[in-house]
PDB file of N, CA and C in Angstrom:
ATOM      1  N   MET A   1       7.749 -20.887   9.334  1.00  0.00           N
ATOM      2  CA  MET A   1       6.969 -20.125   9.273  1.00  0.00           C
ATOM      3  C   MET A   1       6.884 -20.070   7.763  1.00  0.00           C
ATOM      4  N   SER A   2       6.496 -19.774   7.216  1.00  0.00           N
ATOM      5  CA  SER A   2       6.718 -19.530   5.266  1.00  0.00           C
ATOM      6  C   SER A   2       6.053 -17.993   5.091  1.00  0.00           C
ATOM      7  N   GLU A   3       5.998 -16.769   4.427  1.00  0.00           N
ATOM      8  CA  GLU A   3       6.131 -16.209   3.968  1.00  0.00           C
ATOM      9  C   GLU A   3       4.646 -16.118   3.412  1.00  0.00           C
ATOM     10  N   PRO A   4       4.125 -14.852   3.855  1.00  0.00           N
ATOM     11  CA  PRO A   4       2.423 -14.902   3.506  1.00  0.00           C
ATOM     12  C   PRO A   4       2.445 -14.576   2.050  1.00  0.00           C
ATOM     13  N   GLU A   5       1.255 -15.047   1.119  1.00  0.00           N
ATOM     14  CA  GLU A   5       1.333 -15.131  -0.123  1.00  0.00           C
ATOM     15  C   GLU A   5       1.154 -13.512  -0.967  1.00  0.00           C
ATOM     16  N   VAL A   6       1.992 -13.586  -1.968  1.00  0.00           N
ATOM     17  CA  VAL A   6       1.888 -12.249  -2.371  1.00  0.00           C
ATOM     18  C   VAL A   6       0.935 -11.869  -3.679  1.00  0.00           C
ATOM     19  N   ILE A   7      -0.530 -11.258  -3.729  1.00  0.00           N
ATOM     20  CA  ILE A   7      -1.487 -11.135  -4.110  1.00  0.00           C
ATOM     21  C   ILE A   7      -0.772  -9.860  -5.177  1.00  0.00           C
ATOM     22  N   LYS A   8      -1.514  -9.987  -6.184  1.00  0.00           N
ATOM     23  CA  LYS A   8      -0.739  -8.438  -7.091  1.00  0.00           C
ATOM     24  C   LYS A   8      -2.290  -7.713  -6.821  1.00  0.00           C
ATOM     25  N   PHE A   9      -2.900  -6.547  -6.193  1.00  0.00           N
ATOM     26  CA  PHE A   9      -3.713  -5.922  -6.029  1.00  0.00           C
ATOM     27  C   PHE A   9      -3.525  -4.695  -7.268  1.00  0.00           C
ATOM     28  N   MET A  10      -3.920  -4.931  -7.795  1.00  0.00           N
ATOM     29  CA  MET A  10      -3.775  -4.644  -9.280  1.00  0.00           C
ATOM     30  C   MET A  10      -3.705  -2.792  -9.211  1.00  0.00           C
ATOM     31  N   GLY A  11      -2.266  -2.214  -9.301  1.00  0.00           N
ATOM     32  CA  GLY A  11      -2.450  -0.668  -8.981  1.00  0.00           C
ATOM     33  C   GLY A  11      -2.221  -0.101  -7.669  1.00  0.00           C
ATOM     34  N   ILE A  12      -2.284  -0.933  -7.079  1.00  0.00           N
ATOM     35  CA  ILE A  12      -2.391  -0.353  -5.332  1.00  0.00           C
ATOM     36  C   ILE A  12      -1.386   0.793  -5.211  1.00  0.00           C
ATOM     37  N   ALA A  13       0.164   0.463  -5.812  1.00  0.00           N
ATOM     38  CA  ALA A  13       1.068   0.809  -5.692  1.00  0.00           C
ATOM     39  C   ALA A  13       0.851   1.854  -5.855  1.00  0.00           C
ATOM     40  N   LYS A  14       0.096   2.569  -7.077  1.00  0.00           N
ATOM     41  CA  LYS A  14      -0.073   3.737  -7.672  1.00  0.00           C
ATOM     42  C   LYS A  14      -1.050   4.746  -6.998  1.00  0.00           C
ATOM     43  N   ASN A  15      -1.660   3.971  -6.045  1.00  0.00           N
ATOM     44  CA  ASN A  15      -2.965   4.488  -5.348  1.00  0.00           C
ATOM     45  C   ASN A  15      -1.783   5.111  -3.821  1.00  0.00           C
ATOM     46  N   ILE A  16      -1.211   3.967  -3.337  1.00  0.00           N
ATOM     47  CA  ILE A  16      -0.204   4.503  -2.272  1.00  0.00           C
ATOM     48  C   ILE A  16       0.385   5.405  -2.468  1.00  0.00           C
ATOM     49  N   LYS A  17       1.369   5.768  -3.922  1.00  0.00           N
ATOM     50  CA  LYS A  17       1.879   6.664  -3.991  1.00  0.00           C
ATOM     51  C   LYS A  17       0.933   8.177  -4.397  1.00  0.00           C
ATOM     52  N   LYS A  18       0.472   8.089  -4.846  1.00  0.00           N
ATOM     53  CA  LYS A  18      -0.639   9.194  -4.754  1.00  0.00           C
ATOM     54  C   LYS A  18      -1.497   9.574  -3.573  1.00  0.00           C
ATOM     55  N   CYS A  19      -1.517   8.811  -2.770  1.00  0.00           N
ATOM     56  CA  CYS A  19      -2.093   9.076  -1.183  1.00  0.00           C
ATOM     57  C   CYS A  19      -0.724   9.682  -0.735  1.00  0.00           C
ATOM     58  N   LEU A  20       0.068   9.066  -0.704  1.00  0.00           N
ATOM     59  CA  LEU A  20       1.413   9.953   0.078  1.00  0.00           C
ATOM     60  C   LEU A  20       2.017  11.579  -1.106  1.00  0.00           C
ATOM     61  N   LEU A  21       1.760  11.981  -2.391  1.00  0.00           N
ATOM     62  CA  LEU A  21       1.662  13.013  -2.539  1.00  0.00           C
ATOM     63  C   LEU A  21       0.568  14.074  -2.345  1.00  0.00           C
ATOM     64  N   ASP A  22      -0.829  13.246  -1.987  1.00  0.00           N
ATOM     65  CA  ASP A  22      -1.814  14.358  -1.193  1.00  0.00           C
ATOM     66  C   ASP A  22      -1.956  14.275   0.118  1.00  0.00           C
ATOM     67  N   LYS A  23      -0.546  13.762   0.497  1.00  0.00           N
ATOM     68  CA  LYS A  23      -0.104  14.222   1.937  1.00  0.00           C
ATOM     69  C   LYS A  23       1.169  14.831   2.368  1.00  0.00           C
ATOM     70  N   ASP A  24       1.748  14.931   1.078  1.00  0.00           N
ATOM     71  CA  ASP A  24       3.046  15.613   1.223  1.00  0.00           C
ATOM     72  C   ASP A  24       4.452  15.013   1.783  1.00  0.00           C
ATOM     73  N   MET A  25       4.100  13.564   1.638  1.00  0.00           N
ATOM     74  CA  MET A  25       5.003  12.576   2.180  1.00  0.00           C
ATOM     75  C   MET A  25       6.289  11.878   0.988  1.00  0.00           C
ATOM     76  N   LYS A  26       6.831  11.579   1.349  1.00  0.00           N
ATOM     77  CA  LYS A  26       7.835  10.536   0.579  1.00  0.00           C
ATOM     78  C   LYS A  26       7.704   9.074   1.300  1.00  0.00           C
ATOM     79  N   ILE A  27       8.669   8.242   0.241  1.00  0.00           N
ATOM     80  CA  ILE A  27       8.639   7.063   0.403  1.00  0.00           C
ATOM     81  C   ILE A  27       9.207   7.022   1.806  1.00  0.00           C
ATOM     82  N   SER A  28      10.289   7.666   2.158  1.00  0.00           N
ATOM     83  CA  SER A  28      11.335   7.456   3.240  1.00  0.00           C
ATOM     84  C   SER A  28      10.112   7.827   4.315  1.00  0.00           C
ATOM     85  N   ASP A  29       9.346   8.788   4.543  1.00  0.00           N
ATOM     86  CA  ASP A  29       8.295   9.081   5.628  1.00  0.00           C
ATOM     87  C   ASP A  29       7.600   8.286   5.728  1.00  0.00           C
ATOM     88  N   LEU A  30       7.429   7.206   4.975  1.00  0.00           N
ATOM     89  CA  LEU A  30       6.468   6.176   4.993  1.00  0.00           C
ATOM     90  C   LEU A  30       6.651   4.834   5.634  1.00  0.00           C
ATOM     91  N   ALA A  31       8.355   4.874   5.310  1.00  0.00           N
ATOM     92  CA  ALA A  31       9.315   3.909   5.274  1.00  0.00           C
ATOM     93  C   ALA A  31       9.323   4.024   7.266  1.00  0.00           C
ATOM     94  N   SER A  32       9.590   5.136   7.314  1.00  0.00           N
ATOM     95  CA  SER A  32       9.780   5.652   8.880  1.00  0.00           C
ATOM     96  C   SER A  32       8.810   5.459  10.025  1.00  0.00           C
ATOM     97  N   LEU A  33       7.287   5.571   9.019  1.00  0.00           N
ATOM     98  CA  LEU A  33       6.060   5.327   9.897  1.00  0.00           C
ATOM     99  C   LEU A  33       6.403   3.669  10.142  1.00  0.00           C
ATOM    100  N   LEU A  34       6.498   2.995   9.005  1.00  0.00           N
ATOM    101  CA  LEU A  34       6.392   1.426   9.282  1.00  0.00           C
ATOM    102  C   LEU A  34       7.511   0.754   9.732  1.00  0.00           C
ATOM    103  N   ASP A  35       8.632   1.479  10.356  1.00  0.00           N
ATOM    104  CA  ASP A  35       9.693   0.871  10.363  1.00  0.00           C
ATOM    105  C   ASP A  35      10.239  -0.042   9.626  1.00  0.00           C
ATOM    106  N   THR A  36      10.429  -0.302   8.834  1.00  0.00           N
ATOM    107  CA  THR A  36      11.001  -0.361   7.351  1.00  0.00           C
ATOM    108  C   THR A  36      12.105   0.347   6.612  1.00  0.00           C
ATOM    109  N   ASP A  37      12.735  -0.663   6.082  1.00  0.00           N
ATOM    110  CA  ASP A  37      14.095  -0.241   4.740  1.00  0.00           C
ATOM    111  C   ASP A  37      13.295   0.320   3.827  1.00  0.00           C
ATOM    112  N   VAL A  38      13.924   1.714   3.989  1.00  0.00           N
ATOM    113  CA  VAL A  38      13.018   2.698   2.909  1.00  0.00           C
ATOM    114  C   VAL A  38      13.400   2.095   1.052  1.00  0.00           C
ATOM    115  N   LYS A  39      14.696   1.578   0.853  1.00  0.00           N
ATOM    116  CA  LYS A  39      14.982   0.436  -0.144  1.00  0.00           C
ATOM    117  C   LYS A  39      13.914  -0.647  -0.635  1.00  0.00           C
ATOM    118  N   ALA A  40      13.657  -1.255   0.793  1.00  0.00           N
ATOM    119  CA  ALA A  40      12.560  -2.375   0.227  1.00  0.00           C
ATOM    120  C   ALA A  40      11.395  -1.937   0.314  1.00  0.00           C
ATOM    121  N   LEU A  41      10.868  -1.235   0.953  1.00  0.00           N
ATOM    122  CA  LEU A  41       9.607  -0.277   0.364  1.00  0.00           C
ATOM    123  C   LEU A  41       9.508  -0.081  -1.209  1.00  0.00           C
ATOM    124  N   SER A  42      10.425   0.722  -1.268  1.00  0.00           N
ATOM    125  CA  SER A  42      10.448   1.280  -2.733  1.00  0.00           C
ATOM    126  C   SER A  42      10.577  -0.188  -3.352  1.00  0.00           C
ATOM    127  N   VAL A  43      11.144  -0.809  -3.705  1.00  0.00           N
ATOM    128  CA  VAL A  43      11.281  -1.916  -4.459  1.00  0.00           C
ATOM    129  C   VAL A  43       9.966  -2.936  -4.588  1.00  0.00           C
ATOM    130  N   LYS A  44       9.083  -2.648  -3.419  1.00  0.00           N
ATOM    131  CA  LYS A  44       8.080  -3.433  -3.516  1.00  0.00           C
ATOM    132  C   LYS A  44       6.313  -2.494  -4.059  1.00  0.00           C
ATOM    133  N   LEU A  45       6.879  -1.354  -3.770  1.00  0.00           N
ATOM    134  CA  LEU A  45       6.142  -0.111  -4.579  1.00  0.00           C
ATOM    135  C   LEU A  45       6.207  -0.031  -5.914  1.00  0.00           C
ATOM    136  N   SER A  46       7.627  -0.055  -6.338  1.00  0.00           N
ATOM    137  CA  SER A  46       7.584  -0.507  -8.194  1.00  0.00           C
ATOM    138  C   SER A  46       7.640  -1.770  -8.457  1.00  0.00           C
ATOM    139  N   ARG A  47       7.498  -2.919  -8.333  1.00  0.00           N
ATOM    140  CA  ARG A  47       7.081  -3.735  -8.344  1.00  0.00           C
ATOM    141  C   ARG A  47       5.428  -4.264  -8.243  1.00  0.00           C
ATOM    142  N   ASP A  48       4.852  -3.561  -7.308  1.00  0.00           N
ATOM    143  CA  ASP A  48       3.602  -3.205  -6.826  1.00  0.00           C
ATOM    144  C   ASP A  48       3.589  -4.592  -6.623  1.00  0.00           C
ATOM    145  N   SER A  49       4.202  -5.271  -5.450  1.00  0.00           N
ATOM    146  CA  SER A  49       4.013  -6.784  -5.184  1.00  0.00           C
ATOM    147  C   SER A  49       4.471  -6.932  -3.298  1.00  0.00           C
ATOM    148  N   LEU A  50       2.921  -6.124  -2.941  1.00  0.00           N
ATOM    149  CA  LEU A  50       2.680  -6.117  -1.553  1.00  0.00           C
ATOM    150  C   LEU A  50       1.444  -7.627  -1.085  1.00  0.00           C
ATOM    151  N   ASN A  51       1.951  -8.046  -0.508  1.00  0.00           N
ATOM    152  CA  ASN A  51       0.997  -9.009   0.176  1.00  0.00           C
ATOM    153  C   ASN A  51      -0.456  -8.309   0.621  1.00  0.00           C
ATOM    154  N   TYR A  52      -1.549  -8.578   1.423  1.00  0.00           N
ATOM    155  CA  TYR A  52      -2.785  -7.677   1.991  1.00  0.00           C
ATOM    156  C   TYR A  52      -2.115  -7.530   3.466  1.00  0.00           C
ATOM    157  N   LYS A  53      -1.118  -8.014   4.536  1.00  0.00           N
ATOM    158  CA  LYS A  53      -0.990  -7.419   5.677  1.00  0.00           C
ATOM    159  C   LYS A  53      -0.166  -6.246   5.220  1.00  0.00           C
ATOM    160  N   SER A  54       0.921  -6.218   4.269  1.00  0.00           N
ATOM    161  CA  SER A  54       1.745  -4.914   4.098  1.00  0.00           C
ATOM    162  C   SER A  54       0.636  -4.058   3.721  1.00  0.00           C
ATOM    163  N   ILE A  55      -0.009  -4.372   2.393  1.00  0.00           N
ATOM    164  CA  ILE A  55      -1.455  -3.231   2.927  1.00  0.00           C
ATOM    165  C   ILE A  55      -1.666  -2.542   3.635  1.00  0.00           C
ATOM    166  N   GLU A  56      -2.568  -3.037   4.303  1.00  0.00           N
ATOM    167  CA  GLU A  56      -3.056  -3.035   5.310  1.00  0.00           C
ATOM    168  C   GLU A  56      -2.576  -2.154   6.597  1.00  0.00           C
ATOM    169  N   ASN A  57      -1.164  -2.441   7.073  1.00  0.00           N
ATOM    170  CA  ASN A  57      -0.341  -1.513   7.362  1.00  0.00           C
ATOM    171  C   ASN A  57       0.261  -0.249   6.819  1.00  0.00           C
ATOM    172  N   ILE A  58       0.453  -0.512   5.611  1.00  0.00           N
ATOM    173  CA  ILE A  58       0.589   0.855   4.865  1.00  0.00           C
ATOM    174  C   ILE A  58      -0.818   2.003   5.031  1.00  0.00           C
ATOM    175  N   ALA A  59      -1.907   1.395   5.125  1.00  0.00           N
ATOM    176  CA  ALA A  59      -3.577   1.968   4.828  1.00  0.00           C
ATOM    177  C   ALA A  59      -3.446   2.840   6.496  1.00  0.00           C
ATOM    178  N   ASN A  60      -3.368   1.949   7.252  1.00  0.00           N
ATOM    179  CA  ASN A  60      -2.750   2.015   8.673  1.00  0.00           C
ATOM    180  C   ASN A  60      -1.856   3.893   9.087  1.00  0.00           C
ATOM    181  N   ALA A  61      -0.643   3.205   8.962  1.00  0.00           N
ATOM    182  CA  ALA A  61       0.480   4.373   8.646  1.00  0.00           C
ATOM    183  C   ALA A  61      -0.085   5.867   7.989  1.00  0.00           C
ATOM    184  N   LEU A  62      -0.888   5.506   6.888  1.00  0.00           N
ATOM    185  CA  LEU A  62      -1.381   6.728   6.507  1.00  0.00           C
ATOM    186  C   LEU A  62      -2.990   7.067   6.965  1.00  0.00           C
ATOM    187  N   ASP A  63      -3.290   6.306   7.866  1.00  0.00           N
ATOM    188  CA  ASP A  63      -4.435   6.090   8.208  1.00  0.00           C
ATOM    189  C   ASP A  63      -6.001   6.827   7.226  1.00  0.00           C
ATOM    190  N   CYS A  64      -5.843   5.234   6.182  1.00  0.00           N
ATOM    191  CA  CYS A  64      -6.565   5.524   5.124  1.00  0.00           C
ATOM    192  C   CYS A  64      -7.198   4.159   5.540  1.00  0.00           C
ATOM    193  N   ASP A  65      -8.419   3.692   4.509  1.00  0.00           N
ATOM    194  CA  ASP A  65      -9.306   2.552   4.702  1.00  0.00           C
ATOM    195  C   ASP A  65      -8.880   1.657   3.837  1.00  0.00           C
ATOM    196  N   ILE A  66      -8.958   0.479   3.022  1.00  0.00           N
ATOM    197  CA  ILE A  66      -9.120  -0.174   2.174  1.00  0.00           C
ATOM    198  C   ILE A  66     -10.365  -0.631   2.147  1.00  0.00           C
ATOM    199  N   ARG A  67     -10.581  -0.202   0.508  1.00  0.00           N
ATOM    200  CA  ARG A  67     -11.971  -0.699   0.667  1.00  0.00           C
ATOM    201  C   ARG A  67     -12.214  -1.686  -0.566  1.00  0.00           C
ATOM    202  N   LEU A  68     -13.393  -2.354  -0.768  1.00  0.00           N
ATOM    203  CA  LEU A  68     -13.390  -3.014  -1.902  1.00  0.00           C
ATOM    204  C   LEU A  68     -15.192  -2.490  -2.709  1.00  0.00           C
ATOM    205  N   VAL A  69     -14.663  -1.909  -4.287  1.00  0.00           N
ATOM    206  CA  VAL A  69     -15.426  -1.511  -5.067  1.00  0.00           C
ATOM    207  C   VAL A  69     -16.162  -2.552  -5.877  1.00  0.00           C
ATOM    208  N   ASP A  70     -17.461  -2.497  -6.293  1.00  0.00           N
ATOM    209  CA  ASP A  70     -17.997  -3.549  -7.229  1.00  0.00           C
ATOM    210  C   ASP A  70     -18.026  -2.601  -8.378  1.00  0.00           C
ATOM    211  N   LYS A  71     -17.483  -2.864  -9.247  1.00  0.00           N
ATOM    212  CA  LYS A  71     -16.731  -2.308 -10.514  1.00  0.00           C
ATOM    213  C   LYS A  71     -17.981  -1.997 -11.376  1.00  0.00           C
ATOM    214  N   LYS A  72     -19.343  -2.739 -11.307  1.00  0.00           N
ATOM    215  CA  LYS A  72     -20.531  -2.416 -12.149  1.00  0.00           C
ATOM    216  C   LYS A  72     -21.228  -1.775 -11.162  1.00  0.00           C
ATOM    217  N   THR A  73     -21.699  -1.265  -9.904  1.00  0.00           N
ATOM    218  CA  THR A  73     -22.532  -0.469  -9.220  1.00  0.00           C
ATOM    219  C   THR A  73     -21.519   0.818  -9.028  1.00  0.00           C
ATOM    220  N   ASN A  74     -20.214   0.642  -8.232  1.00  0.00           N
ATOM    221  CA  ASN A  74     -19.544   1.289  -7.788  1.00  0.00           C
ATOM    222  C   ASN A  74     -19.650   1.085  -6.094  1.00  0.00           C
ATOM    223  N   THR A  75     -20.355   0.529  -6.117  1.00  0.00           N
ATOM    224  CA  THR A  75     -21.016   0.150  -4.637  1.00  0.00           C
ATOM    225  C   THR A  75     -19.602   0.022  -3.767  1.00  0.00           C
ATOM    226  N   VAL A  76     -19.319   0.582  -2.469  1.00  0.00           N
ATOM    227  CA  VAL A  76     -18.379   0.316  -1.745  1.00  0.00           C
ATOM    228  C   VAL A  76     -18.887  -0.617  -0.870  1.00  0.00           C
ATOM    229  N   TYR A  77     -17.749  -1.379  -0.629  1.00  0.00           N
ATOM    230  CA  TYR A  77     -17.607  -2.673   0.251  1.00  0.00           C
ATOM    231  C   TYR A  77     -16.537  -2.317   1.406  1.00  0.00           C
TER     232      TYR A  77
END
């Protein structure tokens, strides 16, 4: 079984890091919630290279939603 394709979600790592700050959490706290290696998570965030499933898992761990927003109308989907 092959690895899922990594799709660049522009700036998603920046949003995740901001969420961590807002929740007074560190990357190590998130890694613990995800039961993953801190270094591996840190590298993924620094490269902004997360697949959708990883983003979904992170959002769930942070008790957040993933939203699609229309750039012209700001409509949230």
